[in-house]
Amino acid sequence: MKLHTLKPAAGSVHKEKRLGRGEASGKGGTSTKGNKGGQSRAGYQRKNAHEGGQMPLQRRVPKRGFKNNNKIEFVVFNLGQIDQLAEKYGFTEFSLENLYINGLINRTDKVKILATGELKAKLSFKVNAMSEKAKAAIESAGGKVEIIK
């Protein structure tokens, strides 16, 4: 075997199509792109949601409602629920850490306390938000309130 006699296997190398190089190339005239229209022009790019002239889906479907991106979502606990949770889990402090450890909220959740129900246990609270009535009820039961920002 000599280096100057090496050749690729028969049929493994194909001749490159030379488009737009005249009639003699066999691909002359329109260079295999059909006749007229956007797809035969240079720089043509099919749009993502283009449906061949049919009204695209995002325009056919009606738009409804409004989503406020600045809205703060809270996980809400009522005073009646808190009393039950304090008995069940043995809370002395109702904080985000205790709730997360016991699987009641996710790590990024914000907690708000509302005044529905009665609170009998004396608890200290570290939460993100609280209604005025809930704050008054907690302090009258002998608890402490701390709002975390």
N, C-alpha and C. Protein backbone atom coordinates (compact mmCIF):
# COMPACT_ATOMS: atom_id res chain seq x y z
N MET A 1 0.85 -1.19 0.00
CA MET A 1 0.00 0.00 0.00
C MET A 1 0.89 1.24 0.00
N LYS A 2 0.55 2.17 -0.90
CA LYS A 2 1.31 3.41 -0.99
C LYS A 2 0.35 4.58 -0.84
N LEU A 3 0.82 5.63 -0.19
CA LEU A 3 -0.05 6.78 0.11
C LEU A 3 -0.62 7.41 -1.15
N HIS A 4 0.14 7.45 -2.24
CA HIS A 4 -0.34 8.14 -3.44
C HIS A 4 -1.39 7.32 -4.20
N THR A 5 -1.61 6.08 -3.78
CA THR A 5 -2.62 5.26 -4.47
C THR A 5 -3.93 5.14 -3.67
N LEU A 6 -4.00 5.79 -2.47
CA LEU A 6 -5.21 5.70 -1.66
C LEU A 6 -6.37 6.44 -2.31
N LYS A 7 -7.56 5.82 -2.32
CA LYS A 7 -8.77 6.43 -2.86
C LYS A 7 -9.93 6.07 -1.94
N PRO A 8 -10.95 6.93 -1.87
CA PRO A 8 -12.13 6.57 -1.07
C PRO A 8 -12.88 5.41 -1.72
N ALA A 9 -13.70 4.73 -0.93
CA ALA A 9 -14.46 3.59 -1.43
C ALA A 9 -15.40 4.04 -2.54
N ALA A 10 -15.66 3.16 -3.47
CA ALA A 10 -16.50 3.50 -4.62
C ALA A 10 -17.91 3.87 -4.15
N GLY A 11 -18.43 5.00 -4.61
CA GLY A 11 -19.78 5.44 -4.27
C GLY A 11 -19.88 6.22 -2.98
N SER A 12 -18.78 6.39 -2.23
CA SER A 12 -18.87 7.09 -0.94
C SER A 12 -18.73 8.61 -1.08
N VAL A 13 -18.19 9.08 -2.18
CA VAL A 13 -18.02 10.52 -2.40
C VAL A 13 -18.98 10.96 -3.49
N HIS A 14 -19.80 11.98 -3.17
CA HIS A 14 -20.79 12.47 -4.13
C HIS A 14 -20.36 13.83 -4.64
N LYS A 15 -20.75 14.12 -5.86
CA LYS A 15 -20.44 15.40 -6.45
C LYS A 15 -21.34 16.47 -5.84
N GLU A 16 -20.80 17.64 -5.51
CA GLU A 16 -21.56 18.72 -4.89
C GLU A 16 -22.51 19.35 -5.91
N LYS A 17 -23.76 19.67 -5.47
CA LYS A 17 -24.70 20.36 -6.34
C LYS A 17 -24.25 21.80 -6.45
N ARG A 18 -24.07 22.28 -7.69
CA ARG A 18 -23.67 23.68 -7.87
C ARG A 18 -24.89 24.43 -8.38
N LEU A 19 -25.62 25.02 -7.45
CA LEU A 19 -26.86 25.70 -7.80
C LEU A 19 -26.58 27.09 -8.34
N GLY A 20 -27.44 27.51 -9.27
CA GLY A 20 -27.33 28.87 -9.81
C GLY A 20 -26.10 29.06 -10.67
N ARG A 21 -25.67 28.03 -11.36
CA ARG A 21 -24.47 28.14 -12.20
C ARG A 21 -24.79 27.85 -13.67
N GLY A 22 -26.00 28.26 -14.07
CA GLY A 22 -26.35 28.17 -15.49
C GLY A 22 -27.05 26.87 -15.86
N GLU A 23 -27.51 26.83 -17.13
CA GLU A 23 -28.30 25.70 -17.63
C GLU A 23 -27.47 24.42 -17.70
N ALA A 24 -26.20 24.52 -17.97
CA ALA A 24 -25.37 23.32 -18.16
C ALA A 24 -25.24 22.51 -16.88
N SER A 25 -25.49 23.14 -15.73
CA SER A 25 -25.37 22.41 -14.46
C SER A 25 -26.53 21.44 -14.26
N GLY A 26 -27.59 21.62 -15.06
CA GLY A 26 -28.77 20.79 -14.87
C GLY A 26 -29.69 21.33 -13.79
N LYS A 27 -29.24 22.35 -13.08
CA LYS A 27 -30.04 22.96 -12.01
C LYS A 27 -30.16 24.46 -12.26
N GLY A 28 -30.13 24.85 -13.52
CA GLY A 28 -30.11 26.27 -13.86
C GLY A 28 -31.47 26.89 -13.77
N GLY A 29 -31.57 28.13 -14.19
CA GLY A 29 -32.85 28.83 -14.19
C GLY A 29 -33.29 29.20 -12.79
N THR A 30 -34.08 28.34 -12.18
CA THR A 30 -34.62 28.66 -10.86
C THR A 30 -33.83 28.00 -9.73
N SER A 31 -32.78 27.27 -10.05
CA SER A 31 -31.92 26.62 -9.04
C SER A 31 -32.71 25.73 -8.09
N THR A 32 -33.64 24.96 -8.62
CA THR A 32 -34.47 23.98 -7.90
C THR A 32 -35.42 24.61 -6.88
N LYS A 33 -35.67 25.94 -6.96
CA LYS A 33 -36.52 26.58 -5.97
C LYS A 33 -37.94 26.82 -6.48
N GLY A 34 -38.32 26.25 -7.60
CA GLY A 34 -39.64 26.53 -8.14
C GLY A 34 -39.62 27.84 -8.89
N ASN A 35 -40.79 28.44 -9.09
CA ASN A 35 -40.82 29.68 -9.85
C ASN A 35 -40.76 30.89 -8.94
N LYS A 36 -41.88 31.65 -8.81
CA LYS A 36 -41.80 32.90 -8.06
C LYS A 36 -42.25 32.72 -6.62
N GLY A 37 -42.20 33.80 -5.84
CA GLY A 37 -42.69 33.77 -4.47
C GLY A 37 -41.57 33.91 -3.46
N GLY A 38 -41.98 34.15 -2.20
CA GLY A 38 -41.01 34.40 -1.13
C GLY A 38 -40.01 33.29 -0.94
N GLN A 39 -40.46 32.05 -1.15
CA GLN A 39 -39.56 30.91 -0.87
C GLN A 39 -38.45 30.79 -1.90
N SER A 40 -38.61 31.45 -3.05
CA SER A 40 -37.56 31.39 -4.06
C SER A 40 -36.57 32.54 -3.91
N ARG A 41 -36.87 33.48 -3.02
CA ARG A 41 -36.02 34.66 -2.87
C ARG A 41 -34.91 34.41 -1.85
N ALA A 42 -33.85 35.18 -1.97
CA ALA A 42 -32.75 35.11 -1.00
C ALA A 42 -33.23 35.66 0.33
N GLY A 43 -32.79 35.08 1.43
CA GLY A 43 -33.12 35.59 2.75
C GLY A 43 -34.48 35.16 3.26
N TYR A 44 -35.15 34.24 2.54
CA TYR A 44 -36.47 33.78 3.00
C TYR A 44 -36.34 33.01 4.30
N GLN A 45 -37.26 33.27 5.22
CA GLN A 45 -37.28 32.55 6.49
C GLN A 45 -38.72 32.29 6.88
N ARG A 46 -39.08 31.04 7.15
CA ARG A 46 -40.46 30.72 7.52
C ARG A 46 -40.71 31.20 8.93
N LYS A 47 -41.82 31.91 9.15
CA LYS A 47 -42.15 32.42 10.48
C LYS A 47 -42.61 31.27 11.36
N ASN A 48 -42.39 31.39 12.67
CA ASN A 48 -42.63 30.31 13.62
C ASN A 48 -44.06 29.78 13.61
N ALA A 49 -45.05 30.68 13.69
CA ALA A 49 -46.43 30.24 13.82
C ALA A 49 -47.18 30.37 12.49
N HIS A 50 -46.48 30.48 11.39
CA HIS A 50 -47.13 30.68 10.09
C HIS A 50 -47.88 29.42 9.69
N GLU A 51 -49.14 29.60 9.29
CA GLU A 51 -49.99 28.46 8.94
C GLU A 51 -50.44 28.54 7.49
N GLY A 52 -49.56 29.04 6.64
CA GLY A 52 -49.86 29.06 5.22
C GLY A 52 -50.98 30.00 4.85
N GLY A 53 -51.12 31.11 5.54
CA GLY A 53 -52.16 32.09 5.23
C GLY A 53 -53.41 31.90 6.08
N GLN A 54 -53.59 30.72 6.68
CA GLN A 54 -54.71 30.51 7.61
C GLN A 54 -54.46 31.38 8.83
N MET A 55 -55.53 31.87 9.45
CA MET A 55 -55.40 32.73 10.62
C MET A 55 -54.68 31.94 11.73
N PRO A 56 -53.55 32.43 12.23
CA PRO A 56 -52.78 31.67 13.22
C PRO A 56 -53.55 31.44 14.52
N LEU A 57 -53.19 30.39 15.21
CA LEU A 57 -53.89 29.98 16.42
C LEU A 57 -53.94 31.10 17.46
N GLN A 58 -52.81 31.79 17.67
CA GLN A 58 -52.77 32.83 18.70
C GLN A 58 -53.67 34.02 18.36
N ARG A 59 -54.11 34.14 17.11
CA ARG A 59 -55.05 35.20 16.74
C ARG A 59 -56.49 34.69 16.69
N ARG A 60 -56.68 33.38 16.49
CA ARG A 60 -58.02 32.81 16.46
C ARG A 60 -58.63 32.69 17.84
N VAL A 61 -57.80 32.43 18.86
CA VAL A 61 -58.29 32.20 20.21
C VAL A 61 -58.55 33.54 20.89
N PRO A 62 -59.74 33.72 21.51
CA PRO A 62 -60.03 35.01 22.13
C PRO A 62 -59.17 35.26 23.37
N LYS A 63 -58.89 36.52 23.61
CA LYS A 63 -58.09 36.90 24.77
C LYS A 63 -59.04 37.24 25.92
N ARG A 64 -58.76 36.72 27.10
CA ARG A 64 -59.65 36.95 28.24
C ARG A 64 -58.82 37.30 29.47
N GLY A 65 -59.34 38.21 30.28
CA GLY A 65 -58.78 38.45 31.60
C GLY A 65 -57.52 39.30 31.62
N PHE A 66 -56.92 39.32 32.79
CA PHE A 66 -55.75 40.15 33.05
C PHE A 66 -54.95 39.49 34.15
N LYS A 67 -53.63 39.47 34.01
CA LYS A 67 -52.77 38.90 35.04
C LYS A 67 -51.90 40.01 35.59
N ASN A 68 -52.06 40.29 36.87
CA ASN A 68 -51.27 41.33 37.52
C ASN A 68 -49.93 40.73 37.95
N ASN A 69 -48.86 41.20 37.36
CA ASN A 69 -47.53 40.66 37.67
C ASN A 69 -47.02 41.13 39.03
N ASN A 70 -47.63 42.17 39.59
CA ASN A 70 -47.18 42.71 40.88
C ASN A 70 -47.95 42.14 42.06
N LYS A 71 -48.90 41.23 41.81
CA LYS A 71 -49.72 40.68 42.89
C LYS A 71 -48.87 39.79 43.78
N ILE A 72 -49.04 39.92 45.09
CA ILE A 72 -48.32 39.07 46.05
C ILE A 72 -49.27 37.99 46.51
N GLU A 73 -48.91 36.74 46.29
CA GLU A 73 -49.73 35.59 46.69
C GLU A 73 -49.32 35.15 48.10
N PHE A 74 -50.30 35.01 48.98
CA PHE A 74 -50.05 34.57 50.35
C PHE A 74 -50.66 33.21 50.59
N VAL A 75 -50.03 32.43 51.47
CA VAL A 75 -50.67 31.23 52.02
C VAL A 75 -51.37 31.72 53.28
N VAL A 76 -52.70 31.52 53.33
CA VAL A 76 -53.51 32.12 54.39
C VAL A 76 -53.78 31.09 55.49
N PHE A 77 -53.60 31.52 56.74
CA PHE A 77 -53.96 30.72 57.91
C PHE A 77 -54.93 31.53 58.76
N ASN A 78 -56.03 30.89 59.19
CA ASN A 78 -56.98 31.54 60.09
C ASN A 78 -56.63 31.18 61.53
N LEU A 79 -57.09 31.99 62.48
CA LEU A 79 -56.76 31.75 63.89
C LEU A 79 -57.26 30.39 64.36
N GLY A 80 -58.43 29.96 63.88
CA GLY A 80 -58.96 28.64 64.24
C GLY A 80 -58.04 27.51 63.77
N GLN A 81 -57.51 27.64 62.56
CA GLN A 81 -56.57 26.65 62.03
C GLN A 81 -55.28 26.63 62.85
N ILE A 82 -54.82 27.80 63.22
CA ILE A 82 -53.55 27.92 63.95
C ILE A 82 -53.65 27.21 65.30
N ASP A 83 -54.79 27.33 65.94
CA ASP A 83 -55.00 26.65 67.23
C ASP A 83 -54.85 25.13 67.05
N GLN A 84 -55.46 24.60 66.00
CA GLN A 84 -55.37 23.16 65.72
C GLN A 84 -53.94 22.75 65.38
N LEU A 85 -53.26 23.57 64.56
CA LEU A 85 -51.87 23.25 64.17
C LEU A 85 -50.93 23.30 65.36
N ALA A 86 -51.16 24.26 66.27
CA ALA A 86 -50.32 24.38 67.47
C ALA A 86 -50.44 23.12 68.32
N GLU A 87 -51.66 22.57 68.44
CA GLU A 87 -51.84 21.32 69.20
C GLU A 87 -51.19 20.15 68.48
N LYS A 88 -51.43 20.04 67.18
CA LYS A 88 -50.94 18.90 66.40
C LYS A 88 -49.41 18.84 66.33
N TYR A 89 -48.76 19.98 66.06
CA TYR A 89 -47.31 20.02 65.86
C TYR A 89 -46.55 20.54 67.07
N GLY A 90 -47.24 20.98 68.09
CA GLY A 90 -46.57 21.47 69.30
C GLY A 90 -45.84 22.78 69.09
N PHE A 91 -46.45 23.71 68.35
CA PHE A 91 -45.82 25.01 68.10
C PHE A 91 -45.86 25.88 69.36
N THR A 92 -44.73 26.54 69.63
CA THR A 92 -44.72 27.65 70.59
C THR A 92 -44.50 28.96 69.83
N GLU A 93 -43.91 28.81 68.64
CA GLU A 93 -43.69 29.95 67.75
C GLU A 93 -44.23 29.59 66.37
N PHE A 94 -45.09 30.43 65.83
CA PHE A 94 -45.68 30.22 64.51
C PHE A 94 -44.85 31.02 63.51
N SER A 95 -43.80 30.38 62.95
CA SER A 95 -42.88 31.08 62.04
C SER A 95 -42.79 30.34 60.72
N LEU A 96 -42.20 31.01 59.73
CA LEU A 96 -42.05 30.41 58.41
C LEU A 96 -41.18 29.16 58.47
N GLU A 97 -40.14 29.18 59.32
CA GLU A 97 -39.25 28.03 59.44
C GLU A 97 -40.00 26.81 59.97
N ASN A 98 -40.81 27.00 61.03
CA ASN A 98 -41.57 25.89 61.60
C ASN A 98 -42.57 25.33 60.60
N LEU A 99 -43.23 26.21 59.87
CA LEU A 99 -44.22 25.76 58.88
C LEU A 99 -43.54 24.99 57.76
N TYR A 100 -42.37 25.46 57.31
CA TYR A 100 -41.64 24.78 56.23
C TYR A 100 -41.14 23.41 56.69
N ILE A 101 -40.58 23.35 57.89
CA ILE A 101 -40.05 22.08 58.42
C ILE A 101 -41.15 21.03 58.52
N ASN A 102 -42.38 21.45 58.89
CA ASN A 102 -43.49 20.52 59.03
C ASN A 102 -44.26 20.30 57.73
N GLY A 103 -43.78 20.87 56.61
CA GLY A 103 -44.36 20.62 55.30
C GLY A 103 -45.67 21.34 55.05
N LEU A 104 -45.93 22.43 55.76
CA LEU A 104 -47.19 23.16 55.58
C LEU A 104 -47.09 24.24 54.51
N ILE A 105 -45.87 24.71 54.23
CA ILE A 105 -45.66 25.70 53.17
C ILE A 105 -44.40 25.33 52.40
N ASN A 106 -44.21 25.97 51.24
CA ASN A 106 -42.97 25.83 50.48
C ASN A 106 -41.98 26.89 50.94
N ARG A 107 -40.74 26.73 50.53
CA ARG A 107 -39.68 27.62 50.99
C ARG A 107 -39.92 29.08 50.62
N THR A 108 -40.49 29.34 49.43
CA THR A 108 -40.65 30.71 48.95
C THR A 108 -42.02 31.31 49.28
N ASP A 109 -42.91 30.57 49.94
CA ASP A 109 -44.26 31.07 50.23
C ASP A 109 -44.23 32.20 51.25
N LYS A 110 -45.20 33.10 51.09
CA LYS A 110 -45.42 34.17 52.06
C LYS A 110 -46.68 33.82 52.84
N VAL A 111 -46.70 34.10 54.15
CA VAL A 111 -47.80 33.68 55.02
C VAL A 111 -48.55 34.90 55.55
N LYS A 112 -49.89 34.80 55.53
CA LYS A 112 -50.74 35.86 56.08
C LYS A 112 -51.69 35.23 57.09
N ILE A 113 -51.91 35.92 58.20
CA ILE A 113 -52.82 35.46 59.25
C ILE A 113 -54.10 36.28 59.20
N LEU A 114 -55.25 35.57 59.19
CA LEU A 114 -56.55 36.23 59.21
C LEU A 114 -57.30 35.86 60.49
N ALA A 115 -58.34 36.62 60.83
CA ALA A 115 -58.95 36.54 62.16
C ALA A 115 -60.13 35.58 62.28
N THR A 116 -60.40 34.74 61.30
CA THR A 116 -61.54 33.82 61.40
C THR A 116 -61.23 32.74 62.45
N GLY A 117 -62.14 32.53 63.37
CA GLY A 117 -61.94 31.54 64.43
C GLY A 117 -61.39 32.17 65.69
N GLU A 118 -61.09 31.31 66.67
CA GLU A 118 -60.61 31.78 67.97
C GLU A 118 -59.23 31.20 68.26
N LEU A 119 -58.40 32.00 68.90
CA LEU A 119 -57.07 31.54 69.30
C LEU A 119 -57.02 31.43 70.81
N LYS A 120 -56.72 30.21 71.30
CA LYS A 120 -56.64 29.99 72.74
C LYS A 120 -55.20 29.89 73.21
N ALA A 121 -54.32 29.39 72.33
CA ALA A 121 -52.93 29.18 72.70
C ALA A 121 -52.16 30.50 72.70
N LYS A 122 -51.17 30.57 73.59
CA LYS A 122 -50.31 31.74 73.65
C LYS A 122 -49.10 31.47 72.75
N LEU A 123 -49.04 32.13 71.58
CA LEU A 123 -48.01 31.88 70.58
C LEU A 123 -47.33 33.19 70.18
N SER A 124 -46.08 33.06 69.74
CA SER A 124 -45.43 34.21 69.12
C SER A 124 -45.44 33.97 67.61
N PHE A 125 -45.67 35.03 66.84
CA PHE A 125 -45.83 34.92 65.39
C PHE A 125 -44.73 35.68 64.68
N LYS A 126 -44.14 35.04 63.65
CA LYS A 126 -43.20 35.70 62.73
C LYS A 126 -43.70 35.37 61.33
N VAL A 127 -44.50 36.28 60.76
CA VAL A 127 -45.11 36.05 59.44
C VAL A 127 -44.96 37.29 58.57
N ASN A 128 -45.37 37.16 57.29
CA ASN A 128 -45.21 38.25 56.33
C ASN A 128 -46.31 39.30 56.43
N ALA A 129 -47.53 38.88 56.76
CA ALA A 129 -48.65 39.83 56.82
C ALA A 129 -49.70 39.33 57.80
N MET A 130 -50.52 40.29 58.29
CA MET A 130 -51.53 39.94 59.29
C MET A 130 -52.62 41.00 59.27
N SER A 131 -53.88 40.56 59.44
CA SER A 131 -54.98 41.53 59.50
C SER A 131 -54.98 42.18 60.89
N GLU A 132 -55.60 43.36 60.96
CA GLU A 132 -55.64 44.11 62.24
C GLU A 132 -56.41 43.33 63.30
N LYS A 133 -57.53 42.71 62.91
CA LYS A 133 -58.32 41.93 63.86
C LYS A 133 -57.53 40.75 64.40
N ALA A 134 -56.77 40.08 63.52
CA ALA A 134 -55.96 38.94 63.95
C ALA A 134 -54.89 39.40 64.93
N LYS A 135 -54.26 40.54 64.64
CA LYS A 135 -53.21 41.07 65.52
C LYS A 135 -53.78 41.37 66.91
N ALA A 136 -54.97 41.98 66.94
CA ALA A 136 -55.61 42.30 68.22
C ALA A 136 -55.96 41.02 68.99
N ALA A 137 -56.46 40.00 68.28
CA ALA A 137 -56.83 38.74 68.93
C ALA A 137 -55.62 38.02 69.50
N ILE A 138 -54.51 38.04 68.78
CA ILE A 138 -53.28 37.38 69.23
C ILE A 138 -52.74 38.08 70.48
N GLU A 139 -52.71 39.41 70.44
CA GLU A 139 -52.18 40.16 71.58
C GLU A 139 -53.09 40.04 72.81
N SER A 140 -54.39 39.92 72.58
CA SER A 140 -55.31 39.74 73.72
C SER A 140 -55.16 38.34 74.33
N ALA A 141 -54.70 37.36 73.51
CA ALA A 141 -54.46 36.00 74.02
C ALA A 141 -53.09 35.89 74.69
N GLY A 142 -52.31 36.98 74.67
CA GLY A 142 -51.00 37.00 75.32
C GLY A 142 -49.85 36.66 74.39
N GLY A 143 -50.07 36.65 73.08
CA GLY A 143 -49.02 36.32 72.12
C GLY A 143 -48.27 37.55 71.64
N LYS A 144 -47.15 37.29 70.92
CA LYS A 144 -46.35 38.37 70.34
C LYS A 144 -46.47 38.30 68.84
N VAL A 145 -46.35 39.47 68.20
CA VAL A 145 -46.47 39.55 66.74
C VAL A 145 -45.24 40.24 66.16
N GLU A 146 -44.64 39.61 65.12
CA GLU A 146 -43.52 40.23 64.39
C GLU A 146 -43.79 40.05 62.91
N ILE A 147 -43.80 41.17 62.19
CA ILE A 147 -44.05 41.13 60.74
C ILE A 147 -42.69 41.13 60.03
N ILE A 148 -42.48 40.14 59.17
CA ILE A 148 -41.24 40.01 58.40
C ILE A 148 -41.48 40.60 57.01
N LYS A 149 -40.56 41.40 56.55
CA LYS A 149 -40.69 41.98 55.22
C LYS A 149 -39.98 41.12 54.20
